[in-house]
Every structure is written in structure tokens, then in C-alpha cells.
Full PDB file with SEQRES, HELIX, SHEET, SSBOND, CRYST1, ORIGX, SCALE, CONECT and MASTER records, all heavy atoms in Angstrom:
SEQRES   1 A   44  ALA ARG MET LEU ASP HIS ALA VAL GLY THR ASN ILE ASP          
SEQRES   2 A   44  LEU LEU VAL MET LEU SER VAL ALA GLU GLY THR ASP ASP          
SEQRES   3 A   44  GLY LEU ASP LYS LEU MET LEU GLY LEU LYS ALA TYR GLU          
SEQRES   4 A   44  VAL LEU ALA PRO LEU                                          
HELIX    1 AA1 ARG A    2  GLY A    9  1                                   8    
HELIX    2 AA2 ILE A   12  GLU A   22  1                                  11    
HELIX    3 AA3 GLY A   27  VAL A   40  1                                  14    
CRYST1    1.000    1.000    1.000  90.00  90.00  90.00 P 1           1          
ORIGX1      1.000000  0.000000  0.000000        0.00000                         
ORIGX2      0.000000  1.000000  0.000000        0.00000                         
ORIGX3      0.000000  0.000000  1.000000        0.00000                         
SCALE1      1.000000  0.000000  0.000000        0.00000                         
SCALE2      0.000000  1.000000  0.000000        0.00000                         
SCALE3      0.000000  0.000000  1.000000        0.00000                         
ATOM      1  N   ALA A   1      23.393 -43.784  24.860  1.00  0.00           N  
ATOM      2  CA  ALA A   1      23.738 -42.977  26.076  1.00  0.00           C  
ATOM      3  C   ALA A   1      24.961 -43.368  26.810  1.00  0.00           C  
ATOM      4  O   ALA A   1      25.715 -42.590  27.358  1.00  0.00           O  
ATOM      5  CB  ALA A   1      22.516 -43.126  27.013  1.00  0.00           C  
ATOM      6  N   ARG A   2      25.171 -44.718  26.851  1.00  0.00           N  
ATOM      7  CA  ARG A   2      26.345 -45.255  27.517  1.00  0.00           C  
ATOM      8  C   ARG A   2      27.690 -44.770  26.750  1.00  0.00           C  
ATOM      9  O   ARG A   2      28.621 -44.270  27.478  1.00  0.00           O  
ATOM     10  CB  ARG A   2      26.357 -46.723  27.444  1.00  0.00           C  
ATOM     11  CG  ARG A   2      27.491 -47.412  28.218  1.00  0.00           C  
ATOM     12  CD  ARG A   2      27.661 -48.853  27.908  1.00  0.00           C  
ATOM     13  NE  ARG A   2      28.104 -49.095  26.474  1.00  0.00           N  
ATOM     14  CZ  ARG A   2      29.366 -48.841  26.012  1.00  0.00           C  
ATOM     15  NH1 ARG A   2      30.272 -48.512  26.838  1.00  0.00           N  
ATOM     16  NH2 ARG A   2      29.610 -49.059  24.810  1.00  0.00           N  
ATOM     17  N   MET A   3      27.676 -44.775  25.483  1.00  0.00           N  
ATOM     18  CA  MET A   3      28.806 -44.309  24.685  1.00  0.00           C  
ATOM     19  C   MET A   3      29.077 -42.788  24.879  1.00  0.00           C  
ATOM     20  O   MET A   3      30.182 -42.353  24.962  1.00  0.00           O  
ATOM     21  CB  MET A   3      28.683 -44.642  23.233  1.00  0.00           C  
ATOM     22  CG  MET A   3      28.626 -46.131  22.940  1.00  0.00           C  
ATOM     23  SD  MET A   3      28.510 -46.584  21.258  1.00  0.00           S  
ATOM     24  CE  MET A   3      30.038 -46.123  20.557  1.00  0.00           C  
ATOM     25  N   LEU A   4      27.889 -42.073  24.907  1.00  0.00           N  
ATOM     26  CA  LEU A   4      28.015 -40.622  25.120  1.00  0.00           C  
ATOM     27  C   LEU A   4      28.503 -40.281  26.481  1.00  0.00           C  
ATOM     28  O   LEU A   4      29.314 -39.377  26.602  1.00  0.00           O  
ATOM     29  CB  LEU A   4      26.717 -39.952  24.764  1.00  0.00           C  
ATOM     30  CG  LEU A   4      26.690 -38.414  24.773  1.00  0.00           C  
ATOM     31  CD1 LEU A   4      27.776 -37.948  23.614  1.00  0.00           C  
ATOM     32  CD2 LEU A   4      25.343 -37.884  24.281  1.00  0.00           C  
ATOM     33  N   ASP A   5      28.112 -40.968  27.475  1.00  0.00           N  
ATOM     34  CA  ASP A   5      28.457 -40.777  28.870  1.00  0.00           C  
ATOM     35  C   ASP A   5      29.925 -41.028  28.970  1.00  0.00           C  
ATOM     36  O   ASP A   5      30.686 -40.296  29.602  1.00  0.00           O  
ATOM     37  CB  ASP A   5      27.730 -41.686  29.877  1.00  0.00           C  
ATOM     38  CG  ASP A   5      26.261 -41.217  30.046  1.00  0.00           C  
ATOM     39  OD1 ASP A   5      25.898 -40.225  29.490  1.00  0.00           O  
ATOM     40  OD2 ASP A   5      25.578 -41.954  30.660  1.00  0.00           O  
ATOM     41  N   HIS A   6      30.462 -42.067  28.289  1.00  0.00           N  
ATOM     42  CA  HIS A   6      31.906 -42.346  28.354  1.00  0.00           C  
ATOM     43  C   HIS A   6      32.569 -41.307  27.746  1.00  0.00           C  
ATOM     44  O   HIS A   6      33.717 -40.862  28.190  1.00  0.00           O  
ATOM     45  CB  HIS A   6      32.209 -43.638  27.630  1.00  0.00           C  
ATOM     46  CG  HIS A   6      33.655 -44.047  27.540  1.00  0.00           C  
ATOM     47  ND1 HIS A   6      34.333 -44.500  28.698  1.00  0.00           N  
ATOM     48  CD2 HIS A   6      34.464 -43.988  26.521  1.00  0.00           C  
ATOM     49  CE1 HIS A   6      35.615 -44.672  28.329  1.00  0.00           C  
ATOM     50  NE2 HIS A   6      35.699 -44.399  27.000  1.00  0.00           N  
ATOM     51  N   ALA A   7      32.182 -40.812  26.524  1.00  0.00           N  
ATOM     52  CA  ALA A   7      32.965 -39.724  25.876  1.00  0.00           C  
ATOM     53  C   ALA A   7      32.949 -38.375  26.644  1.00  0.00           C  
ATOM     54  O   ALA A   7      33.998 -37.724  26.692  1.00  0.00           O  
ATOM     55  CB  ALA A   7      32.256 -39.499  24.439  1.00  0.00           C  
ATOM     56  N   VAL A   8      31.871 -38.079  27.240  1.00  0.00           N  
ATOM     57  CA  VAL A   8      31.725 -36.889  28.023  1.00  0.00           C  
ATOM     58  C   VAL A   8      32.670 -37.000  29.322  1.00  0.00           C  
ATOM     59  O   VAL A   8      33.378 -36.240  29.655  1.00  0.00           O  
ATOM     60  CB  VAL A   8      30.330 -36.586  28.404  1.00  0.00           C  
ATOM     61  CG1 VAL A   8      30.223 -35.382  29.422  1.00  0.00           C  
ATOM     62  CG2 VAL A   8      29.520 -36.175  27.204  1.00  0.00           C  
ATOM     63  N   GLY A   9      32.441 -38.145  29.973  1.00  0.00           N  
ATOM     64  CA  GLY A   9      33.140 -38.403  31.248  1.00  0.00           C  
ATOM     65  C   GLY A   9      34.619 -38.465  31.110  1.00  0.00           C  
ATOM     66  O   GLY A   9      35.343 -38.106  32.162  1.00  0.00           O  
ATOM     67  N   THR A  10      35.117 -38.888  29.994  1.00  0.00           N  
ATOM     68  CA  THR A  10      36.615 -38.945  29.885  1.00  0.00           C  
ATOM     69  C   THR A  10      37.159 -37.786  29.077  1.00  0.00           C  
ATOM     70  O   THR A  10      38.381 -37.793  28.840  1.00  0.00           O  
ATOM     71  CB  THR A  10      36.886 -40.286  29.071  1.00  0.00           C  
ATOM     72  OG1 THR A  10      36.245 -40.328  27.824  1.00  0.00           O  
ATOM     73  CG2 THR A  10      36.617 -41.525  29.946  1.00  0.00           C  
ATOM     74  N   ASN A  11      36.403 -36.888  28.842  1.00  0.00           N  
ATOM     75  CA  ASN A  11      36.864 -35.621  28.088  1.00  0.00           C  
ATOM     76  C   ASN A  11      36.306 -34.311  28.703  1.00  0.00           C  
ATOM     77  O   ASN A  11      35.960 -33.368  27.967  1.00  0.00           O  
ATOM     78  CB  ASN A  11      36.499 -35.736  26.604  1.00  0.00           C  
ATOM     79  CG  ASN A  11      37.257 -36.773  25.948  1.00  0.00           C  
ATOM     80  OD1 ASN A  11      38.435 -36.606  25.494  1.00  0.00           O  
ATOM     81  ND2 ASN A  11      36.662 -37.959  25.778  1.00  0.00           N  
ATOM     82  N   ILE A  12      36.190 -34.283  30.037  1.00  0.00           N  
ATOM     83  CA  ILE A  12      35.734 -33.057  30.742  1.00  0.00           C  
ATOM     84  C   ILE A  12      36.597 -31.866  30.261  1.00  0.00           C  
ATOM     85  O   ILE A  12      36.082 -30.787  30.066  1.00  0.00           O  
ATOM     86  CB  ILE A  12      35.756 -33.211  32.208  1.00  0.00           C  
ATOM     87  CG1 ILE A  12      34.811 -34.440  32.600  1.00  0.00           C  
ATOM     88  CG2 ILE A  12      35.313 -31.946  32.916  1.00  0.00           C  
ATOM     89  CD1 ILE A  12      33.418 -34.197  32.198  1.00  0.00           C  
ATOM     90  N   ASP A  13      37.899 -31.982  30.239  1.00  0.00           N  
ATOM     91  CA  ASP A  13      38.762 -30.858  29.917  1.00  0.00           C  
ATOM     92  C   ASP A  13      38.481 -30.341  28.564  1.00  0.00           C  
ATOM     93  O   ASP A  13      38.497 -29.114  28.339  1.00  0.00           O  
ATOM     94  CB  ASP A  13      40.260 -31.269  30.088  1.00  0.00           C  
ATOM     95  CG  ASP A  13      40.708 -31.521  31.459  1.00  0.00           C  
ATOM     96  OD1 ASP A  13      39.960 -31.123  32.395  1.00  0.00           O  
ATOM     97  OD2 ASP A  13      41.633 -32.190  31.719  1.00  0.00           O  
ATOM     98  N   LEU A  14      38.191 -31.233  27.628  1.00  0.00           N  
ATOM     99  CA  LEU A  14      37.860 -30.866  26.251  1.00  0.00           C  
ATOM    100  C   LEU A  14      36.540 -30.103  26.142  1.00  0.00           C  
ATOM    101  O   LEU A  14      36.488 -29.060  25.552  1.00  0.00           O  
ATOM    102  CB  LEU A  14      37.797 -32.125  25.330  1.00  0.00           C  
ATOM    103  CG  LEU A  14      37.335 -31.788  23.889  1.00  0.00           C  
ATOM    104  CD1 LEU A  14      38.339 -30.869  23.238  1.00  0.00           C  
ATOM    105  CD2 LEU A  14      37.274 -33.145  23.146  1.00  0.00           C  
ATOM    106  N   LEU A  15      35.643 -30.448  26.965  1.00  0.00           N  
ATOM    107  CA  LEU A  15      34.280 -29.866  27.031  1.00  0.00           C  
ATOM    108  C   LEU A  15      34.509 -28.335  27.594  1.00  0.00           C  
ATOM    109  O   LEU A  15      33.966 -27.385  27.044  1.00  0.00           O  
ATOM    110  CB  LEU A  15      33.286 -30.516  27.861  1.00  0.00           C  
ATOM    111  CG  LEU A  15      32.783 -31.786  27.275  1.00  0.00           C  
ATOM    112  CD1 LEU A  15      31.872 -32.568  28.357  1.00  0.00           C  
ATOM    113  CD2 LEU A  15      32.019 -31.500  26.023  1.00  0.00           C  
ATOM    114  N   VAL A  16      35.321 -28.243  28.591  1.00  0.00           N  
ATOM    115  CA  VAL A  16      35.639 -26.866  29.174  1.00  0.00           C  
ATOM    116  C   VAL A  16      36.249 -26.058  28.176  1.00  0.00           C  
ATOM    117  O   VAL A  16      35.904 -24.855  28.020  1.00  0.00           O  
ATOM    118  CB  VAL A  16      36.416 -27.071  30.436  1.00  0.00           C  
ATOM    119  CG1 VAL A  16      36.960 -25.665  30.904  1.00  0.00           C  
ATOM    120  CG2 VAL A  16      35.716 -27.813  31.540  1.00  0.00           C  
ATOM    121  N   MET A  17      37.311 -26.571  27.376  1.00  0.00           N  
ATOM    122  CA  MET A  17      38.006 -25.777  26.505  1.00  0.00           C  
ATOM    123  C   MET A  17      37.101 -25.386  25.255  1.00  0.00           C  
ATOM    124  O   MET A  17      37.166 -24.277  24.754  1.00  0.00           O  
ATOM    125  CB  MET A  17      39.201 -26.491  25.933  1.00  0.00           C  
ATOM    126  CG  MET A  17      40.303 -26.672  26.971  1.00  0.00           C  
ATOM    127  SD  MET A  17      41.890 -27.376  26.246  1.00  0.00           S  
ATOM    128  CE  MET A  17      41.350 -29.154  26.030  1.00  0.00           C  
ATOM    129  N   LEU A  18      36.172 -26.223  24.852  1.00  0.00           N  
ATOM    130  CA  LEU A  18      35.234 -25.913  23.813  1.00  0.00           C  
ATOM    131  C   LEU A  18      34.357 -24.808  24.249  1.00  0.00           C  
ATOM    132  O   LEU A  18      34.007 -23.942  23.443  1.00  0.00           O  
ATOM    133  CB  LEU A  18      34.488 -27.200  23.487  1.00  0.00           C  
ATOM    134  CG  LEU A  18      35.125 -28.199  22.545  1.00  0.00           C  
ATOM    135  CD1 LEU A  18      34.277 -29.485  22.509  1.00  0.00           C  
ATOM    136  CD2 LEU A  18      35.298 -27.684  21.109  1.00  0.00           C  
ATOM    137  N   SER A  19      33.910 -24.853  25.496  1.00  0.00           N  
ATOM    138  CA  SER A  19      32.968 -23.839  26.031  1.00  0.00           C  
ATOM    139  C   SER A  19      33.715 -22.505  26.027  1.00  0.00           C  
ATOM    140  O   SER A  19      33.152 -21.503  25.700  1.00  0.00           O  
ATOM    141  CB  SER A  19      32.555 -24.219  27.410  1.00  0.00           C  
ATOM    142  OG  SER A  19      31.699 -23.282  28.005  1.00  0.00           O  
ATOM    143  N   VAL A  20      34.927 -22.479  26.526  1.00  0.00           N  
ATOM    144  CA  VAL A  20      35.726 -21.288  26.547  1.00  0.00           C  
ATOM    145  C   VAL A  20      35.996 -20.762  25.121  1.00  0.00           C  
ATOM    146  O   VAL A  20      35.846 -19.470  24.870  1.00  0.00           O  
ATOM    147  CB  VAL A  20      37.030 -21.475  27.268  1.00  0.00           C  
ATOM    148  CG1 VAL A  20      37.971 -20.231  27.165  1.00  0.00           C  
ATOM    149  CG2 VAL A  20      36.781 -21.744  28.781  1.00  0.00           C  
ATOM    150  N   ALA A  21      36.314 -21.642  24.120  1.00  0.00           N  
ATOM    151  CA  ALA A  21      36.684 -21.208  22.857  1.00  0.00           C  
ATOM    152  C   ALA A  21      35.444 -20.634  22.117  1.00  0.00           C  
ATOM    153  O   ALA A  21      35.538 -19.741  21.197  1.00  0.00           O  
ATOM    154  CB  ALA A  21      37.242 -22.332  22.052  1.00  0.00           C  
ATOM    155  N   GLU A  22      34.283 -21.073  22.545  1.00  0.00           N  
ATOM    156  CA  GLU A  22      33.044 -20.561  21.848  1.00  0.00           C  
ATOM    157  C   GLU A  22      32.881 -19.049  22.070  1.00  0.00           C  
ATOM    158  O   GLU A  22      32.286 -18.445  21.227  1.00  0.00           O  
ATOM    159  CB  GLU A  22      31.845 -21.331  22.438  1.00  0.00           C  
ATOM    160  CG  GLU A  22      30.441 -21.029  21.664  1.00  0.00           C  
ATOM    161  CD  GLU A  22      30.529 -21.480  20.278  1.00  0.00           C  
ATOM    162  OE1 GLU A  22      31.332 -22.497  19.967  1.00  0.00           O  
ATOM    163  OE2 GLU A  22      29.875 -20.956  19.404  1.00  0.00           O  
ATOM    164  N   GLY A  23      33.411 -18.529  23.166  1.00  0.00           N  
ATOM    165  CA  GLY A  23      33.273 -17.110  23.354  1.00  0.00           C  
ATOM    166  C   GLY A  23      34.421 -16.267  22.892  1.00  0.00           C  
ATOM    167  O   GLY A  23      34.504 -15.164  23.198  1.00  0.00           O  
ATOM    168  N   THR A  24      35.351 -16.802  22.086  1.00  0.00           N  
ATOM    169  CA  THR A  24      36.470 -16.053  21.518  1.00  0.00           C  
ATOM    170  C   THR A  24      36.306 -16.033  20.097  1.00  0.00           C  
ATOM    171  O   THR A  24      35.534 -16.635  19.414  1.00  0.00           O  
ATOM    172  CB  THR A  24      37.782 -16.785  21.894  1.00  0.00           C  
ATOM    173  OG1 THR A  24      37.877 -18.132  21.217  1.00  0.00           O  
ATOM    174  CG2 THR A  24      37.796 -17.214  23.370  1.00  0.00           C  
ATOM    175  N   ASP A  25      37.331 -15.348  19.371  1.00  0.00           N  
ATOM    176  CA  ASP A  25      37.391 -15.129  17.941  1.00  0.00           C  
ATOM    177  C   ASP A  25      38.519 -15.963  17.336  1.00  0.00           C  
ATOM    178  O   ASP A  25      38.884 -15.694  16.197  1.00  0.00           O  
ATOM    179  CB  ASP A  25      37.531 -13.628  17.674  1.00  0.00           C  
ATOM    180  CG  ASP A  25      36.302 -12.734  18.083  1.00  0.00           C  
ATOM    181  OD1 ASP A  25      35.156 -13.364  17.975  1.00  0.00           O  
ATOM    182  OD2 ASP A  25      36.529 -11.629  18.498  1.00  0.00           O  
ATOM    183  N   ASP A  26      38.995 -16.877  18.157  1.00  0.00           N  
ATOM    184  CA  ASP A  26      40.188 -17.684  17.662  1.00  0.00           C  
ATOM    185  C   ASP A  26      39.642 -18.838  16.810  1.00  0.00           C  
ATOM    186  O   ASP A  26      39.408 -19.889  17.325  1.00  0.00           O  
ATOM    187  CB  ASP A  26      40.990 -18.138  18.892  1.00  0.00           C  
ATOM    188  CG  ASP A  26      42.396 -18.729  18.504  1.00  0.00           C  
ATOM    189  OD1 ASP A  26      42.449 -19.201  17.297  1.00  0.00           O  
ATOM    190  OD2 ASP A  26      43.220 -18.806  19.313  1.00  0.00           O  
ATOM    191  N   GLY A  27      39.664 -18.592  15.495  1.00  0.00           N  
ATOM    192  CA  GLY A  27      39.128 -19.630  14.592  1.00  0.00           C  
ATOM    193  C   GLY A  27      39.913 -20.826  14.631  1.00  0.00           C  
ATOM    194  O   GLY A  27      39.351 -21.932  14.524  1.00  0.00           O  
ATOM    195  N   LEU A  28      41.235 -20.719  14.633  1.00  0.00           N  
ATOM    196  CA  LEU A  28      42.106 -21.845  14.621  1.00  0.00           C  
ATOM    197  C   LEU A  28      41.964 -22.738  15.805  1.00  0.00           C  
ATOM    198  O   LEU A  28      41.871 -23.933  15.803  1.00  0.00           O  
ATOM    199  CB  LEU A  28      43.575 -21.381  14.479  1.00  0.00           C  
ATOM    200  CG  LEU A  28      44.645 -22.511  14.359  1.00  0.00           C  
ATOM    201  CD1 LEU A  28      44.355 -23.460  13.187  1.00  0.00           C  
ATOM    202  CD2 LEU A  28      45.940 -21.956  14.326  1.00  0.00           C  
ATOM    203  N   ASP A  29      41.809 -22.053  16.936  1.00  0.00           N  
ATOM    204  CA  ASP A  29      41.644 -22.798  18.202  1.00  0.00           C  
ATOM    205  C   ASP A  29      40.320 -23.653  18.203  1.00  0.00           C  
ATOM    206  O   ASP A  29      40.258 -24.760  18.625  1.00  0.00           O  
ATOM    207  CB  ASP A  29      41.656 -21.812  19.351  1.00  0.00           C  
ATOM    208  CG  ASP A  29      41.695 -22.474  20.733  1.00  0.00           C  
ATOM    209  OD1 ASP A  29      42.352 -23.651  20.754  1.00  0.00           O  
ATOM    210  OD2 ASP A  29      41.114 -22.003  21.702  1.00  0.00           O  
ATOM    211  N   LYS A  30      39.316 -22.946  17.711  1.00  0.00           N  
ATOM    212  CA  LYS A  30      38.001 -23.655  17.621  1.00  0.00           C  
ATOM    213  C   LYS A  30      38.116 -24.785  16.587  1.00  0.00           C  
ATOM    214  O   LYS A  30      37.465 -25.864  16.957  1.00  0.00           O  
ATOM    215  CB  LYS A  30      36.918 -22.614  17.085  1.00  0.00           C  
ATOM    216  CG  LYS A  30      36.533 -21.622  18.045  1.00  0.00           C  
ATOM    217  CD  LYS A  30      35.463 -20.658  17.496  1.00  0.00           C  
ATOM    218  CE  LYS A  30      35.106 -19.482  18.430  1.00  0.00           C  
ATOM    219  NZ  LYS A  30      34.035 -18.600  17.886  1.00  0.00           N  
ATOM    220  N   LEU A  31      38.828 -24.603  15.548  1.00  0.00           N  
ATOM    221  CA  LEU A  31      38.883 -25.676  14.538  1.00  0.00           C  
ATOM    222  C   LEU A  31      39.683 -26.870  15.189  1.00  0.00           C  
ATOM    223  O   LEU A  31      39.204 -28.062  15.014  1.00  0.00           O  
ATOM    224  CB  LEU A  31      39.678 -25.202  13.293  1.00  0.00           C  
ATOM    225  CG  LEU A  31      40.034 -26.228  12.283  1.00  0.00           C  
ATOM    226  CD1 LEU A  31      38.698 -26.829  11.685  1.00  0.00           C  
ATOM    227  CD2 LEU A  31      40.848 -25.699  11.117  1.00  0.00           C  
ATOM    228  N   MET A  32      40.724 -26.719  15.790  1.00  0.00           N  
ATOM    229  CA  MET A  32      41.538 -27.697  16.379  1.00  0.00           C  
ATOM    230  C   MET A  32      40.692 -28.502  17.509  1.00  0.00           C  
ATOM    231  O   MET A  32      40.750 -29.722  17.574  1.00  0.00           O  
ATOM    232  CB  MET A  32      42.825 -27.127  17.011  1.00  0.00           C  
ATOM    233  CG  MET A  32      43.767 -26.565  15.991  1.00  0.00           C  
ATOM    234  SD  MET A  32      44.264 -27.685  14.565  1.00  0.00           S  
ATOM    235  CE  MET A  32      45.042 -29.016  15.441  1.00  0.00           C  
ATOM    236  N   LEU A  33      39.965 -27.657  18.246  1.00  0.00           N  
ATOM    237  CA  LEU A  33      39.217 -28.357  19.385  1.00  0.00           C  
ATOM    238  C   LEU A  33      38.058 -29.129  18.693  1.00  0.00           C  
ATOM    239  O   LEU A  33      37.688 -30.202  19.188  1.00  0.00           O  
ATOM    240  CB  LEU A  33      38.614 -27.276  20.303  1.00  0.00           C  
ATOM    241  CG  LEU A  33      39.646 -26.653  21.223  1.00  0.00           C  
ATOM    242  CD1 LEU A  33      39.046 -25.553  22.058  1.00  0.00           C  
ATOM    243  CD2 LEU A  33      40.253 -27.629  22.188  1.00  0.00           C  
ATOM    244  N   GLY A  34      37.494 -28.592  17.557  1.00  0.00           N  
ATOM    245  CA  GLY A  34      36.352 -29.271  16.972  1.00  0.00           C  
ATOM    246  C   GLY A  34      36.892 -30.582  16.343  1.00  0.00           C  
ATOM    247  O   GLY A  34      36.172 -31.604  16.423  1.00  0.00           O  
ATOM    248  N   LEU A  35      38.071 -30.617  15.767  1.00  0.00           N  
ATOM    249  CA  LEU A  35      38.675 -31.782  15.213  1.00  0.00           C  
ATOM    250  C   LEU A  35      38.921 -32.889  16.331  1.00  0.00           C  
ATOM    251  O   LEU A  35      38.686 -34.010  16.149  1.00  0.00           O  
ATOM    252  CB  LEU A  35      39.949 -31.500  14.503  1.00  0.00           C  
ATOM    253  CG  LEU A  35      39.836 -30.755  13.206  1.00  0.00           C  
ATOM    254  CD1 LEU A  35      41.216 -30.300  12.616  1.00  0.00           C  
ATOM    255  CD2 LEU A  35      39.046 -31.464  12.115  1.00  0.00           C  
ATOM    256  N   LYS A  36      39.379 -32.434  17.496  1.00  0.00           N  
ATOM    257  CA  LYS A  36      39.572 -33.285  18.650  1.00  0.00           C  
ATOM    258  C   LYS A  36      38.196 -33.885  19.077  1.00  0.00           C  
ATOM    259  O   LYS A  36      38.099 -35.116  19.328  1.00  0.00           O  
ATOM    260  CB  LYS A  36      40.193 -32.504  19.803  1.00  0.00           C  
ATOM    261  CG  LYS A  36      40.342 -33.342  21.014  1.00  0.00           C  
ATOM    262  CD  LYS A  36      41.298 -34.583  20.834  1.00  0.00           C  
ATOM    263  CE  LYS A  36      41.467 -35.292  22.120  1.00  0.00           C  
ATOM    264  NZ  LYS A  36      42.262 -36.472  21.950  1.00  0.00           N  
ATOM    265  N   ALA A  37      37.158 -33.095  19.117  1.00  0.00           N  
ATOM    266  CA  ALA A  37      35.797 -33.597  19.451  1.00  0.00           C  
ATOM    267  C   ALA A  37      35.336 -34.563  18.431  1.00  0.00           C  
ATOM    268  O   ALA A  37      34.742 -35.576  18.822  1.00  0.00           O  
ATOM    269  CB  ALA A  37      34.908 -32.375  19.610  1.00  0.00           C  
ATOM    270  N   TYR A  38      35.599 -34.289  17.228  1.00  0.00           N  
ATOM    271  CA  TYR A  38      35.149 -35.164  16.103  1.00  0.00           C  
ATOM    272  C   TYR A  38      35.862 -36.543  16.354  1.00  0.00           C  
ATOM    273  O   TYR A  38      35.201 -37.601  16.142  1.00  0.00           O  
ATOM    274  CB  TYR A  38      35.557 -34.502  14.789  1.00  0.00           C  
ATOM    275  CG  TYR A  38      35.046 -35.350  13.620  1.00  0.00           C  
ATOM    276  CD1 TYR A  38      33.712 -35.199  13.121  1.00  0.00           C  
ATOM    277  CD2 TYR A  38      35.819 -36.186  12.811  1.00  0.00           C  
ATOM    278  CE1 TYR A  38      33.172 -35.854  12.012  1.00  0.00           C  
ATOM    279  CE2 TYR A  38      35.414 -36.835  11.705  1.00  0.00           C  
ATOM    280  CZ  TYR A  38      34.054 -36.684  11.457  1.00  0.00           C  
ATOM    281  OH  TYR A  38      33.559 -37.360  10.253  1.00  0.00           O  
ATOM    282  N   GLU A  39      37.120 -36.536  16.646  1.00  0.00           N  
ATOM    283  CA  GLU A  39      37.868 -37.743  16.911  1.00  0.00           C  
ATOM    284  C   GLU A  39      37.361 -38.538  18.151  1.00  0.00           C  
ATOM    285  O   GLU A  39      37.140 -39.735  17.982  1.00  0.00           O  
ATOM    286  CB  GLU A  39      39.358 -37.423  17.127  1.00  0.00           C  
ATOM    287  CG  GLU A  39      40.275 -38.692  17.411  1.00  0.00           C  
ATOM    288  CD  GLU A  39      41.654 -38.245  17.764  1.00  0.00           C  
ATOM    289  OE1 GLU A  39      42.095 -37.198  17.329  1.00  0.00           O  
ATOM    290  OE2 GLU A  39      42.296 -39.031  18.374  1.00  0.00           O  
ATOM    291  N   VAL A  40      37.034 -37.872  19.158  1.00  0.00           N  
ATOM    292  CA  VAL A  40      36.500 -38.446  20.302  1.00  0.00           C  
ATOM    293  C   VAL A  40      35.209 -39.104  20.149  1.00  0.00           C  
ATOM    294  O   VAL A  40      34.905 -40.195  20.621  1.00  0.00           O  
ATOM    295  CB  VAL A  40      36.327 -37.368  21.509  1.00  0.00           C  
ATOM    296  CG1 VAL A  40      35.457 -37.938  22.635  1.00  0.00           C  
ATOM    297  CG2 VAL A  40      37.623 -36.914  22.009  1.00  0.00           C  
ATOM    298  N   LEU A  41      34.385 -38.538  19.251  1.00  0.00           N  
ATOM    299  CA  LEU A  41      33.041 -39.115  18.937  1.00  0.00           C  
ATOM    300  C   LEU A  41      33.039 -40.162  17.820  1.00  0.00           C  
ATOM    301  O   LEU A  41      31.973 -40.588  17.398  1.00  0.00           O  
ATOM    302  CB  LEU A  41      32.120 -37.939  18.627  1.00  0.00           C  
ATOM    303  CG  LEU A  41      31.771 -36.932  19.771  1.00  0.00           C  
ATOM    304  CD1 LEU A  41      31.080 -35.759  19.182  1.00  0.00           C  
ATOM    305  CD2 LEU A  41      31.106 -37.650  20.910  1.00  0.00           C  
ATOM    306  N   ALA A  42      34.189 -40.587  17.332  1.00  0.00           N  
ATOM    307  CA  ALA A  42      34.235 -41.557  16.265  1.00  0.00           C  
ATOM    308  C   ALA A  42      33.477 -42.870  16.586  1.00  0.00           C  
ATOM    309  O   ALA A  42      32.804 -43.401  15.742  1.00  0.00           O  
ATOM    310  CB  ALA A  42      35.727 -41.899  15.939  1.00  0.00           C  
ATOM    311  N   PRO A  43      33.575 -43.440  17.767  1.00  0.00           N  
ATOM    312  CA  PRO A  43      32.893 -44.636  18.083  1.00  0.00           C  
ATOM    313  C   PRO A  43      31.421 -44.416  17.964  1.00  0.00           C  
ATOM    314  O   PRO A  43      30.684 -45.317  17.502  1.00  0.00           O  
ATOM    315  CB  PRO A  43      33.290 -44.986  19.517  1.00  0.00           C  
ATOM    316  CG  PRO A  43      34.666 -44.335  19.740  1.00  0.00           C  
ATOM    317  CD  PRO A  43      34.496 -43.020  18.908  1.00  0.00           C  
ATOM    318  N   LEU A  44      30.897 -43.290  18.378  1.00  0.00           N  
ATOM    319  CA  LEU A  44      29.448 -42.997  18.236  1.00  0.00           C  
ATOM    320  C   LEU A  44      29.014 -42.877  16.828  1.00  0.00           C  
ATOM    321  O   LEU A  44      28.020 -43.456  16.364  1.00  0.00           O  
ATOM    322  CB  LEU A  44      29.134 -41.613  19.023  1.00  0.00           C  
ATOM    323  CG  LEU A  44      27.733 -41.394  19.380  1.00  0.00           C  
ATOM    324  CD1 LEU A  44      27.265 -42.530  20.475  1.00  0.00           C  
ATOM    325  CD2 LEU A  44      27.530 -40.003  19.901  1.00  0.00           C  
TER     326      LEU A  44                                                      
MASTER        0    0    0    3    0    0    0    6  325    1    0    4          
END                                                                             
């Protein structure tokens, strides 16, 4: 929970962009954001 709170708290902008991208058809944008999220969650 501590590690997840840190990841979420320090990447609010990324969460917002992921939420917005989910409602679009831009596959490349989703892929790039997904890779960024994957990198952020590496410690977990």
C-alpha cells in the first residue's frame, strides 16, 4: 500500500492522461502511456 500510494501520489498527471486515453482510439498514445505506467510500477 505504501509503495502504491507513492506511485499514485507522484504520478497524478499520468493517471489523468491514462483515464483520458482510455476513451480514445489512439492506440499509440495508449501504448506509450502504458509503458510509462509499467516503468512507474517497477519497484512494486
